[in-house]
Every structure is written in structure tokens, then in C-alpha cells.
PDB file of N, CA and C in Angstrom:
ATOM      1  N   UNK A   1     -21.282  -1.915  -6.966  1.00  0.00           N
ATOM      2  CA  UNK A   1     -21.373  -2.515  -5.657  1.00  0.00           C
ATOM      3  C   UNK A   1     -20.788  -3.919  -5.711  1.00  0.00           C
ATOM      4  N   UNK A   2     -20.115  -4.292  -4.684  1.00  0.00           N
ATOM      5  CA  UNK A   2     -19.440  -5.582  -4.627  1.00  0.00           C
ATOM      6  C   UNK A   2     -20.433  -6.710  -4.366  1.00  0.00           C
ATOM      7  N   UNK A   3     -20.149  -7.865  -4.970  1.00  0.00           N
ATOM      8  CA  UNK A   3     -20.977  -9.032  -4.692  1.00  0.00           C
ATOM      9  C   UNK A   3     -20.360  -9.873  -3.572  1.00  0.00           C
ATOM     10  N   UNK A   4     -19.264  -9.406  -3.010  1.00  0.00           N
ATOM     11  CA  UNK A   4     -18.619 -10.079  -1.884  1.00  0.00           C
ATOM     12  C   UNK A   4     -19.172  -9.549  -0.567  1.00  0.00           C
ATOM     13  N   UNK A   5     -19.093 -10.362   0.444  1.00  0.00           N
ATOM     14  CA  UNK A   5     -19.482  -9.915   1.786  1.00  0.00           C
ATOM     15  C   UNK A   5     -18.513  -8.826   2.243  1.00  0.00           C
ATOM     16  N   UNK A   6     -18.985  -7.848   3.019  1.00  0.00           N
ATOM     17  CA  UNK A   6     -18.098  -6.776   3.492  1.00  0.00           C
ATOM     18  C   UNK A   6     -16.863  -7.314   4.217  1.00  0.00           C
ATOM     19  N   UNK A   7     -17.024  -8.410   4.928  1.00  0.00           N
ATOM     20  CA  UNK A   7     -15.880  -8.998   5.631  1.00  0.00           C
ATOM     21  C   UNK A   7     -14.819  -9.497   4.678  1.00  0.00           C
ATOM     22  N   UNK A   8     -15.243 -10.014   3.519  1.00  0.00           N
ATOM     23  CA  UNK A   8     -14.282 -10.510   2.531  1.00  0.00           C
ATOM     24  C   UNK A   8     -13.504  -9.352   1.908  1.00  0.00           C
ATOM     25  N   UNK A   9     -14.178  -8.253   1.633  1.00  0.00           N
ATOM     26  CA  UNK A   9     -13.508  -7.088   1.054  1.00  0.00           C
ATOM     27  C   UNK A   9     -12.543  -6.500   2.088  1.00  0.00           C
ATOM     28  N   UNK A  10     -12.969  -6.426   3.334  1.00  0.00           N
ATOM     29  CA  UNK A  10     -12.091  -5.931   4.398  1.00  0.00           C
ATOM     30  C   UNK A  10     -10.862  -6.820   4.524  1.00  0.00           C
ATOM     31  N   UNK A  11     -11.060  -8.119   4.472  1.00  0.00           N
ATOM     32  CA  UNK A  11      -9.950  -9.058   4.569  1.00  0.00           C
ATOM     33  C   UNK A  11      -8.955  -8.847   3.423  1.00  0.00           C
ATOM     34  N   UNK A  12      -9.481  -8.593   2.233  1.00  0.00           N
ATOM     35  CA  UNK A  12      -8.604  -8.358   1.075  1.00  0.00           C
ATOM     36  C   UNK A  12      -7.794  -7.077   1.254  1.00  0.00           C
ATOM     37  N   UNK A  13      -8.436  -6.016   1.717  1.00  0.00           N
ATOM     38  CA  UNK A  13      -7.699  -4.763   1.956  1.00  0.00           C
ATOM     39  C   UNK A  13      -6.629  -4.980   3.012  1.00  0.00           C
ATOM     40  N   UNK A  14      -6.956  -5.736   4.039  1.00  0.00           N
ATOM     41  CA  UNK A  14      -6.001  -6.037   5.111  1.00  0.00           C
ATOM     42  C   UNK A  14      -4.829  -6.847   4.587  1.00  0.00           C
ATOM     43  N   UNK A  15      -5.113  -7.801   3.715  1.00  0.00           N
ATOM     44  CA  UNK A  15      -4.048  -8.629   3.131  1.00  0.00           C
ATOM     45  C   UNK A  15      -3.071  -7.764   2.344  1.00  0.00           C
ATOM     46  N   UNK A  16      -3.599  -6.849   1.552  1.00  0.00           N
ATOM     47  CA  UNK A  16      -2.707  -5.988   0.758  1.00  0.00           C
ATOM     48  C   UNK A  16      -1.851  -5.112   1.666  1.00  0.00           C
ATOM     49  N   UNK A  17      -2.444  -4.528   2.704  1.00  0.00           N
ATOM     50  CA  UNK A  17      -1.642  -3.724   3.639  1.00  0.00           C
ATOM     51  C   UNK A  17      -0.561  -4.580   4.286  1.00  0.00           C
ATOM     52  N   UNK A  18      -0.910  -5.809   4.670  1.00  0.00           N
ATOM     53  CA  UNK A  18       0.069  -6.698   5.297  1.00  0.00           C
ATOM     54  C   UNK A  18       1.184  -7.057   4.318  1.00  0.00           C
ATOM     55  N   UNK A  19       0.836  -7.280   3.060  1.00  0.00           N
ATOM     56  CA  UNK A  19       1.873  -7.567   2.056  1.00  0.00           C
ATOM     57  C   UNK A  19       2.787  -6.362   1.859  1.00  0.00           C
ATOM     58  N   UNK A  20       2.210  -5.179   1.873  1.00  0.00           N
ATOM     59  CA  UNK A  20       3.033  -3.972   1.758  1.00  0.00           C
ATOM     60  C   UNK A  20       4.005  -3.880   2.933  1.00  0.00           C
ATOM     61  N   UNK A  21       3.521  -4.144   4.144  1.00  0.00           N
ATOM     62  CA  UNK A  21       4.404  -4.103   5.308  1.00  0.00           C
ATOM     63  C   UNK A  21       5.442  -5.218   5.250  1.00  0.00           C
ATOM     64  N   UNK A  22       5.090  -6.324   4.632  1.00  0.00           N
ATOM     65  CA  UNK A  22       6.033  -7.428   4.475  1.00  0.00           C
ATOM     66  C   UNK A  22       7.219  -7.067   3.619  1.00  0.00           C
ATOM     67  N   UNK A  23       7.119  -5.985   2.880  1.00  0.00           N
ATOM     68  CA  UNK A  23       8.229  -5.525   2.045  1.00  0.00           C
ATOM     69  C   UNK A  23       9.485  -5.280   2.871  1.00  0.00           C
ATOM     70  N   UNK A  24       9.313  -4.883   4.103  1.00  0.00           N
ATOM     71  CA  UNK A  24      10.473  -4.617   4.951  1.00  0.00           C
ATOM     72  C   UNK A  24      11.225  -5.902   5.283  1.00  0.00           C
ATOM     73  N   UNK A  25      10.564  -7.046   5.178  1.00  0.00           N
ATOM     74  CA  UNK A  25      11.210  -8.332   5.437  1.00  0.00           C
ATOM     75  C   UNK A  25      11.610  -9.043   4.149  1.00  0.00           C
ATOM     76  N   UNK A  26      10.746  -8.973   3.154  1.00  0.00           N
ATOM     77  CA  UNK A  26      11.009  -9.637   1.870  1.00  0.00           C
ATOM     78  C   UNK A  26      10.373  -8.791   0.775  1.00  0.00           C
ATOM     79  N   UNK A  27      11.187  -8.161  -0.037  1.00  0.00           N
ATOM     80  CA  UNK A  27      10.715  -7.201  -1.025  1.00  0.00           C
ATOM     81  C   UNK A  27       9.677  -7.710  -2.007  1.00  0.00           C
ATOM     82  N   UNK A  28       9.612  -9.009  -2.236  1.00  0.00           N
ATOM     83  CA  UNK A  28       8.679  -9.527  -3.238  1.00  0.00           C
ATOM     84  C   UNK A  28       7.229  -9.379  -2.815  1.00  0.00           C
ATOM     85  N   UNK A  29       6.971  -9.234  -1.543  1.00  0.00           N
ATOM     86  CA  UNK A  29       5.582  -9.119  -1.092  1.00  0.00           C
ATOM     87  C   UNK A  29       4.937  -7.829  -1.601  1.00  0.00           C
ATOM     88  N   UNK A  30       5.740  -6.818  -1.846  1.00  0.00           N
ATOM     89  CA  UNK A  30       5.207  -5.559  -2.372  1.00  0.00           C
ATOM     90  C   UNK A  30       4.632  -5.769  -3.769  1.00  0.00           C
ATOM     91  N   UNK A  31       5.310  -6.544  -4.584  1.00  0.00           N
ATOM     92  CA  UNK A  31       4.827  -6.834  -5.939  1.00  0.00           C
ATOM     93  C   UNK A  31       3.518  -7.626  -5.861  1.00  0.00           C
ATOM     94  N   UNK A  32       3.481  -8.611  -4.983  1.00  0.00           N
ATOM     95  CA  UNK A  32       2.246  -9.379  -4.802  1.00  0.00           C
ATOM     96  C   UNK A  32       1.119  -8.457  -4.340  1.00  0.00           C
ATOM     97  N   UNK A  33       1.432  -7.514  -3.451  1.00  0.00           N
ATOM     98  CA  UNK A  33       0.430  -6.589  -2.934  1.00  0.00           C
ATOM     99  C   UNK A  33      -0.161  -5.702  -4.012  1.00  0.00           C
ATOM    100  N   UNK A  34       0.676  -5.159  -4.882  1.00  0.00           N
ATOM    101  CA  UNK A  34       0.149  -4.261  -5.918  1.00  0.00           C
ATOM    102  C   UNK A  34      -0.671  -5.038  -6.939  1.00  0.00           C
ATOM    103  N   UNK A  35      -0.250  -6.247  -7.250  1.00  0.00           N
ATOM    104  CA  UNK A  35      -1.026  -7.073  -8.185  1.00  0.00           C
ATOM    105  C   UNK A  35      -2.402  -7.367  -7.600  1.00  0.00           C
ATOM    106  N   UNK A  36      -2.445  -7.770  -6.339  1.00  0.00           N
ATOM    107  CA  UNK A  36      -3.733  -8.058  -5.699  1.00  0.00           C
ATOM    108  C   UNK A  36      -4.584  -6.804  -5.562  1.00  0.00           C
ATOM    109  N   UNK A  37      -3.971  -5.672  -5.278  1.00  0.00           N
ATOM    110  CA  UNK A  37      -4.735  -4.419  -5.165  1.00  0.00           C
ATOM    111  C   UNK A  37      -5.432  -4.108  -6.487  1.00  0.00           C
ATOM    112  N   UNK A  38      -4.721  -4.282  -7.601  1.00  0.00           N
ATOM    113  CA  UNK A  38      -5.347  -4.046  -8.901  1.00  0.00           C
ATOM    114  C   UNK A  38      -6.444  -5.070  -9.188  1.00  0.00           C
ATOM    115  N   UNK A  39      -6.209  -6.330  -8.842  1.00  0.00           N
ATOM    116  CA  UNK A  39      -7.197  -7.376  -9.105  1.00  0.00           C
ATOM    117  C   UNK A  39      -8.446  -7.223  -8.250  1.00  0.00           C
ATOM    118  N   UNK A  40      -8.284  -6.811  -7.017  1.00  0.00           N
ATOM    119  CA  UNK A  40      -9.390  -6.786  -6.057  1.00  0.00           C
ATOM    120  C   UNK A  40     -10.098  -5.442  -5.960  1.00  0.00           C
ATOM    121  N   UNK A  41      -9.564  -4.392  -6.543  1.00  0.00           N
ATOM    122  CA  UNK A  41     -10.180  -3.075  -6.351  1.00  0.00           C
ATOM    123  C   UNK A  41     -11.590  -3.001  -6.917  1.00  0.00           C
ATOM    124  N   UNK A  42     -11.889  -3.740  -7.964  1.00  0.00           N
ATOM    125  CA  UNK A  42     -13.239  -3.731  -8.532  1.00  0.00           C
ATOM    126  C   UNK A  42     -14.288  -4.269  -7.580  1.00  0.00           C
ATOM    127  N   UNK A  43     -13.898  -5.217  -6.737  1.00  0.00           N
ATOM    128  CA  UNK A  43     -14.830  -5.780  -5.766  1.00  0.00           C
ATOM    129  C   UNK A  43     -15.124  -4.824  -4.616  1.00  0.00           C
ATOM    130  N   UNK A  44     -14.320  -3.781  -4.484  1.00  0.00           N
ATOM    131  CA  UNK A  44     -14.489  -2.851  -3.372  1.00  0.00           C
ATOM    132  C   UNK A  44     -15.301  -1.614  -3.747  1.00  0.00           C
ATOM    133  N   UNK A  45     -15.675  -1.497  -5.009  1.00  0.00           N
ATOM    134  CA  UNK A  45     -16.432  -0.320  -5.454  1.00  0.00           C
ATOM    135  C   UNK A  45     -17.736  -0.227  -4.665  1.00  0.00           C
ATOM    136  N   UNK A  46     -17.978   0.945  -4.121  1.00  0.00           N
ATOM    137  CA  UNK A  46     -19.190   1.182  -3.362  1.00  0.00           C
ATOM    138  C   UNK A  46     -19.110   0.752  -1.909  1.00  0.00           C
ATOM    139  N   UNK A  47     -17.939   0.324  -1.478  1.00  0.00           N
ATOM    140  CA  UNK A  47     -17.748  -0.066  -0.080  1.00  0.00           C
ATOM    141  C   UNK A  47     -16.769   0.910   0.573  1.00  0.00           C
ATOM    142  N   UNK A  48     -16.689   0.898   1.882  1.00  0.00           N
ATOM    143  CA  UNK A  48     -15.716   1.767   2.554  1.00  0.00           C
ATOM    144  C   UNK A  48     -14.266   1.409   2.201  1.00  0.00           C
ATOM    145  N   UNK A  49     -14.059   0.243   1.641  1.00  0.00           N
ATOM    146  CA  UNK A  49     -12.695  -0.220   1.358  1.00  0.00           C
ATOM    147  C   UNK A  49     -12.193   0.204  -0.012  1.00  0.00           C
ATOM    148  N   UNK A  50     -13.055   0.834  -0.785  1.00  0.00           N
ATOM    149  CA  UNK A  50     -12.625   1.356  -2.085  1.00  0.00           C
ATOM    150  C   UNK A  50     -11.472   2.334  -1.911  1.00  0.00           C
ATOM    151  N   UNK A  51     -11.551   3.165  -0.872  1.00  0.00           N
ATOM    152  CA  UNK A  51     -10.485   4.146  -0.628  1.00  0.00           C
ATOM    153  C   UNK A  51      -9.177   3.465  -0.236  1.00  0.00           C
ATOM    154  N   UNK A  52      -9.253   2.303   0.386  1.00  0.00           N
ATOM    155  CA  UNK A  52      -8.036   1.572   0.739  1.00  0.00           C
ATOM    156  C   UNK A  52      -7.298   1.141  -0.522  1.00  0.00           C
ATOM    157  N   UNK A  53      -8.014   0.544  -1.460  1.00  0.00           N
ATOM    158  CA  UNK A  53      -7.360   0.074  -2.672  1.00  0.00           C
ATOM    159  C   UNK A  53      -6.820   1.239  -3.500  1.00  0.00           C
ATOM    160  N   UNK A  54      -7.569   2.328  -3.550  1.00  0.00           N
ATOM    161  CA  UNK A  54      -7.093   3.513  -4.269  1.00  0.00           C
ATOM    162  C   UNK A  54      -5.799   4.023  -3.634  1.00  0.00           C
ATOM    163  N   UNK A  55      -5.768   4.081  -2.307  1.00  0.00           N
ATOM    164  CA  UNK A  55      -4.576   4.556  -1.589  1.00  0.00           C
ATOM    165  C   UNK A  55      -3.397   3.596  -1.761  1.00  0.00           C
ATOM    166  N   UNK A  56      -3.674   2.309  -1.729  1.00  0.00           N
ATOM    167  CA  UNK A  56      -2.609   1.320  -1.902  1.00  0.00           C
ATOM    168  C   UNK A  56      -1.948   1.457  -3.270  1.00  0.00           C
ATOM    169  N   UNK A  57      -2.752   1.659  -4.282  1.00  0.00           N
ATOM    170  CA  UNK A  57      -2.214   1.772  -5.638  1.00  0.00           C
ATOM    171  C   UNK A  57      -1.421   3.058  -5.805  1.00  0.00           C
ATOM    172  N   UNK A  58      -1.965   4.187  -5.337  1.00  0.00           N
ATOM    173  CA  UNK A  58      -1.219   5.442  -5.481  1.00  0.00           C
ATOM    174  C   UNK A  58       0.044   5.443  -4.616  1.00  0.00           C
ATOM    175  N   UNK A  59      -0.033   4.856  -3.440  1.00  0.00           N
ATOM    176  CA  UNK A  59       1.152   4.767  -2.578  1.00  0.00           C
ATOM    177  C   UNK A  59       2.264   3.999  -3.273  1.00  0.00           C
ATOM    178  N   UNK A  60       1.928   2.888  -3.894  1.00  0.00           N
ATOM    179  CA  UNK A  60       2.928   2.088  -4.605  1.00  0.00           C
ATOM    180  C   UNK A  60       3.628   2.912  -5.679  1.00  0.00           C
ATOM    181  N   UNK A  61       2.847   3.562  -6.537  1.00  0.00           N
ATOM    182  CA  UNK A  61       3.445   4.280  -7.664  1.00  0.00           C
ATOM    183  C   UNK A  61       4.265   5.487  -7.219  1.00  0.00           C
ATOM    184  N   UNK A  62       3.774   6.251  -6.243  1.00  0.00           N
ATOM    185  CA  UNK A  62       4.555   7.395  -5.764  1.00  0.00           C
ATOM    186  C   UNK A  62       5.854   6.938  -5.100  1.00  0.00           C
ATOM    187  N   UNK A  63       5.780   5.874  -4.329  1.00  0.00           N
ATOM    188  CA  UNK A  63       6.996   5.375  -3.675  1.00  0.00           C
ATOM    189  C   UNK A  63       7.960   4.780  -4.690  1.00  0.00           C
ATOM    190  N   UNK A  64       7.444   4.164  -5.738  1.00  0.00           N
ATOM    191  CA  UNK A  64       8.313   3.635  -6.787  1.00  0.00           C
ATOM    192  C   UNK A  64       9.057   4.772  -7.488  1.00  0.00           C
ATOM    193  N   UNK A  65       8.329   5.830  -7.820  1.00  0.00           N
ATOM    194  CA  UNK A  65       8.949   6.974  -8.502  1.00  0.00           C
ATOM    195  C   UNK A  65       9.983   7.655  -7.594  1.00  0.00           C
ATOM    196  N   UNK A  66       9.576   7.970  -6.366  1.00  0.00           N
ATOM    197  CA  UNK A  66      10.500   8.642  -5.453  1.00  0.00           C
ATOM    198  C   UNK A  66      11.665   7.735  -5.051  1.00  0.00           C
ATOM    199  N   UNK A  67      11.399   6.439  -4.922  1.00  0.00           N
ATOM    200  CA  UNK A  67      12.469   5.492  -4.620  1.00  0.00           C
ATOM    201  C   UNK A  67      13.473   5.415  -5.751  1.00  0.00           C
ATOM    202  N   UNK A  68      12.991   5.461  -6.979  1.00  0.00           N
ATOM    203  CA  UNK A  68      13.891   5.478  -8.137  1.00  0.00           C
ATOM    204  C   UNK A  68      14.764   6.726  -8.145  1.00  0.00           C
ATOM    205  N   UNK A  69      14.173   7.858  -7.835  1.00  0.00           N
ATOM    206  CA  UNK A  69      14.944   9.101  -7.746  1.00  0.00           C
ATOM    207  C   UNK A  69      15.979   8.987  -6.634  1.00  0.00           C
ATOM    208  N   UNK A  70      15.570   8.428  -5.500  1.00  0.00           N
ATOM    209  CA  UNK A  70      16.493   8.240  -4.384  1.00  0.00           C
ATOM    210  C   UNK A  70      17.650   7.321  -4.740  1.00  0.00           C
ATOM    211  N   UNK A  71      17.363   6.266  -5.501  1.00  0.00           N
ATOM    212  CA  UNK A  71      18.436   5.361  -5.917  1.00  0.00           C
ATOM    213  C   UNK A  71      19.415   6.043  -6.862  1.00  0.00           C
ATOM    214  N   UNK A  72      18.899   6.849  -7.777  1.00  0.00           N
ATOM    215  CA  UNK A  72      19.786   7.599  -8.678  1.00  0.00           C
ATOM    216  C   UNK A  72      20.649   8.567  -7.874  1.00  0.00           C
ATOM    217  N   UNK A  73      20.040   9.252  -6.927  1.00  0.00           N
ATOM    218  CA  UNK A  73      20.798  10.191  -6.097  1.00  0.00           C
ATOM    219  C   UNK A  73      21.783   9.482  -5.171  1.00  0.00           C
ATOM    220  N   UNK A  74      21.537   8.209  -4.906  1.00  0.00           N
ATOM    221  CA  UNK A  74      22.479   7.434  -4.083  1.00  0.00           C
ATOM    222  C   UNK A  74      23.827   7.299  -4.784  1.00  0.00           C
ATOM    223  N   UNK A  75      23.815   7.396  -6.091  1.00  0.00           N
ATOM    224  CA  UNK A  75      25.069   7.323  -6.849  1.00  0.00           C
ATOM    225  C   UNK A  75      25.996   8.491  -6.529  1.00  0.00           C
ATOM    226  N   UNK A  76      25.420   9.604  -6.104  1.00  0.00           N
ATOM    227  CA  UNK A  76      26.257  10.750  -5.726  1.00  0.00           C
ATOM    228  C   UNK A  76      26.259  10.961  -4.213  1.00  0.00           C
ATOM    229  N   UNK A  77      25.711   9.978  -3.498  1.00  0.00           N
ATOM    230  CA  UNK A  77      25.828   9.992  -2.047  1.00  0.00           C
ATOM    231  C   UNK A  77      24.754  10.710  -1.264  1.00  0.00           C
ATOM    232  N   UNK A  78      23.702  11.166  -1.934  1.00  0.00           N
ATOM    233  CA  UNK A  78      22.664  11.885  -1.191  1.00  0.00           C
ATOM    234  C   UNK A  78      21.290  11.211  -1.279  1.00  0.00           C
ATOM    235  N   UNK A  79      21.257   9.999  -1.785  1.00  0.00           N
ATOM    236  CA  UNK A  79      19.994   9.286  -1.931  1.00  0.00           C
ATOM    237  C   UNK A  79      19.295   9.008  -0.611  1.00  0.00           C
ATOM    238  N   UNK A  80      20.101   8.894   0.452  1.00  0.00           N
ATOM    239  CA  UNK A  80      19.508   8.625   1.771  1.00  0.00           C
ATOM    240  C   UNK A  80      18.567   9.744   2.208  1.00  0.00           C
ATOM    241  N   UNK A  81      18.762  10.946   1.677  1.00  0.00           N
ATOM    242  CA  UNK A  81      17.894  12.069   2.027  1.00  0.00           C
ATOM    243  C   UNK A  81      16.461  11.856   1.530  1.00  0.00           C
ATOM    244  N   UNK A  82      16.303  11.011   0.537  1.00  0.00           N
ATOM    245  CA  UNK A  82      14.971  10.664   0.047  1.00  0.00           C
ATOM    246  C   UNK A  82      14.561   9.287   0.551  1.00  0.00           C
ATOM    247  N   UNK A  83      15.469   8.323   0.504  1.00  0.00           N
ATOM    248  CA  UNK A  83      15.115   6.931   0.793  1.00  0.00           C
ATOM    249  C   UNK A  83      14.717   6.691   2.246  1.00  0.00           C
ATOM    250  N   UNK A  84      15.413   7.293   3.182  1.00  0.00           N
ATOM    251  CA  UNK A  84      15.089   7.065   4.595  1.00  0.00           C
ATOM    252  C   UNK A  84      13.720   7.661   4.947  1.00  0.00           C
ATOM    253  N   UNK A  85      13.459   8.936   4.634  1.00  0.00           N
ATOM    254  CA  UNK A  85      12.117   9.468   4.935  1.00  0.00           C
ATOM    255  C   UNK A  85      11.015   8.734   4.156  1.00  0.00           C
ATOM    256  N   UNK A  86      11.330   8.302   2.937  1.00  0.00           N
ATOM    257  CA  UNK A  86      10.342   7.575   2.144  1.00  0.00           C
ATOM    258  C   UNK A  86       9.988   6.241   2.798  1.00  0.00           C
ATOM    259  N   UNK A  87      10.971   5.533   3.309  1.00  0.00           N
ATOM    260  CA  UNK A  87      10.717   4.251   3.991  1.00  0.00           C
ATOM    261  C   UNK A  87       9.882   4.470   5.256  1.00  0.00           C
ATOM    262  N   UNK A  88      10.184   5.522   5.982  1.00  0.00           N
ATOM    263  CA  UNK A  88       9.409   5.830   7.192  1.00  0.00           C
ATOM    264  C   UNK A  88       7.975   6.183   6.819  1.00  0.00           C
ATOM    265  N   UNK A  89       7.813   7.022   5.813  1.00  0.00           N
ATOM    266  CA  UNK A  89       6.479   7.415   5.337  1.00  0.00           C
ATOM    267  C   UNK A  89       5.689   6.187   4.895  1.00  0.00           C
ATOM    268  N   UNK A  90       6.308   5.322   4.111  1.00  0.00           N
ATOM    269  CA  UNK A  90       5.662   4.113   3.616  1.00  0.00           C
ATOM    270  C   UNK A  90       5.193   3.240   4.785  1.00  0.00           C
ATOM    271  N   UNK A  91       6.054   3.077   5.766  1.00  0.00           N
ATOM    272  CA  UNK A  91       5.723   2.260   6.938  1.00  0.00           C
ATOM    273  C   UNK A  91       4.544   2.843   7.705  1.00  0.00           C
ATOM    274  N   UNK A  92       4.563   4.136   7.931  1.00  0.00           N
ATOM    275  CA  UNK A  92       3.494   4.798   8.696  1.00  0.00           C
ATOM    276  C   UNK A  92       2.163   4.713   7.951  1.00  0.00           C
ATOM    277  N   UNK A  93       2.166   4.990   6.651  1.00  0.00           N
ATOM    278  CA  UNK A  93       0.934   4.931   5.866  1.00  0.00           C
ATOM    279  C   UNK A  93       0.365   3.515   5.857  1.00  0.00           C
ATOM    280  N   UNK A  94       1.230   2.521   5.716  1.00  0.00           N
ATOM    281  CA  UNK A  94       0.766   1.125   5.729  1.00  0.00           C
ATOM    282  C   UNK A  94       0.190   0.743   7.088  1.00  0.00           C
ATOM    283  N   UNK A  95       0.815   1.171   8.149  1.00  0.00           N
ATOM    284  CA  UNK A  95       0.282   0.882   9.495  1.00  0.00           C
ATOM    285  C   UNK A  95      -1.071   1.547   9.700  1.00  0.00           C
ATOM    286  N   UNK A  96      -1.194   2.814   9.290  1.00  0.00           N
ATOM    287  CA  UNK A  96      -2.476   3.512   9.408  1.00  0.00           C
ATOM    288  C   UNK A  96      -3.553   2.833   8.573  1.00  0.00           C
ATOM    289  N   UNK A  97      -3.197   2.445   7.362  1.00  0.00           N
ATOM    290  CA  UNK A  97      -4.154   1.759   6.498  1.00  0.00           C
ATOM    291  C   UNK A  97      -4.596   0.431   7.082  1.00  0.00           C
ATOM    292  N   UNK A  98      -3.656  -0.311   7.616  1.00  0.00           N
ATOM    293  CA  UNK A  98      -3.977  -1.597   8.226  1.00  0.00           C
ATOM    294  C   UNK A  98      -4.909  -1.405   9.427  1.00  0.00           C
ATOM    295  N   UNK A  99      -4.612  -0.424  10.259  1.00  0.00           N
ATOM    296  CA  UNK A  99      -5.464  -0.165  11.424  1.00  0.00           C
ATOM    297  C   UNK A  99      -6.873   0.254  11.000  1.00  0.00           C
ATOM    298  N   UNK A 100      -6.970   1.098   9.971  1.00  0.00           N
ATOM    299  CA  UNK A 100      -8.291   1.543   9.519  1.00  0.00           C
ATOM    300  C   UNK A 100      -9.072   0.391   8.895  1.00  0.00           C
ATOM    301  N   UNK A 101      -8.394  -0.478   8.167  1.00  0.00           N
ATOM    302  CA  UNK A 101      -9.087  -1.629   7.567  1.00  0.00           C
ATOM    303  C   UNK A 101      -9.593  -2.574   8.650  1.00  0.00           C
ATOM    304  N   UNK A 102      -8.768  -2.833   9.650  1.00  0.00           N
ATOM    305  CA  UNK A 102      -9.176  -3.716  10.747  1.00  0.00           C
ATOM    306  C   UNK A 102     -10.352  -3.111  11.517  1.00  0.00           C
ATOM    307  N   UNK A 103     -10.343  -1.787  11.659  1.00  0.00           N
ATOM    308  CA  UNK A 103     -11.432  -1.102  12.363  1.00  0.00           C
ATOM    309  C   UNK A 103     -12.656  -0.864  11.497  1.00  0.00           C
ATOM    310  N   UNK A 104     -12.631  -1.407  10.271  1.00  0.00           N
ATOM    311  CA  UNK A 104     -13.746  -1.294   9.334  1.00  0.00           C
ATOM    312  C   UNK A 104     -14.053   0.144   8.952  1.00  0.00           C
ATOM    313  N   UNK A 105     -13.022   0.946   8.799  1.00  0.00           N
ATOM    314  CA  UNK A 105     -13.175   2.343   8.413  1.00  0.00           C
ATOM    315  C   UNK A 105     -12.559   2.563   7.045  1.00  0.00           C
ATOM    316  N   UNK A 106     -13.088   3.520   6.272  1.00  0.00           N
ATOM    317  CA  UNK A 106     -12.443   3.844   4.997  1.00  0.00           C
ATOM    318  C   UNK A 106     -11.071   4.471   5.268  1.00  0.00           C
ATOM    319  N   UNK A 107     -10.203   4.430   4.258  1.00  0.00           N
ATOM    320  CA  UNK A 107      -8.881   5.011   4.458  1.00  0.00           C
ATOM    321  C   UNK A 107      -8.964   6.518   4.631  1.00  0.00           C
ATOM    322  N   UNK A 108      -9.723   7.172   3.759  1.00  0.00           N
ATOM    323  CA  UNK A 108      -9.752   8.632   3.800  1.00  0.00           C
ATOM    324  C   UNK A 108     -10.786   9.164   4.763  1.00  0.00           C
TER     325      UNK A 108
END
């Protein structure tokens, strides 16, 4: 159980979602987001926001792997078939996560 107030844990989950969305403007925010998600996930254990941090971490790694595959395929001209849907998926998941965190609901 977290020793932080529920509002503080919610704020942290919201910050990570916002940093993830900031990737579309400045890619470095994604790195900051994953670092904070790993640092803050322990404080969310036993709260509704535990699922947010779990989702943020898995989203990062799956998108990194699929994005890498898309970049390799871009060398032969078909990477857009992965990269464009992946960017849309990433954006939608981050928006949903942000809305659920603001509404004080678990991600799942």
C-alpha cells in the first residue's frame, strides 16, 4: 500500500501519461515518462493507479519493439505499414489512460 495520498499517486500517473503524449512534440519526454513510471510504480501498489503504471511500462516496451521492426522495414519501404498504425494506437491508449487517471479510475 502506498504511503502517498491518492491524489499524489493520481497526479504521478497523469504526469507519465502527459509525458508519453508529449512524445509527439518532443521525443525525449517518452524517456522521462518511462523512467518516472518505473520509479513511481512502487508507490501505486494497492491503489487503482497500479494498473496505470503497469500499462505505461508495457506500452513503452511493446511500442519500442514494434517501432524498431517498423524502422527496419522502412529500409525496404514498408515500415509505414507498422509505424503509422503504431503511432495512432500509442496516441489513443495514452489519451484513454490520461482520461481514466483524471477520472480517478484504474486503467483496466
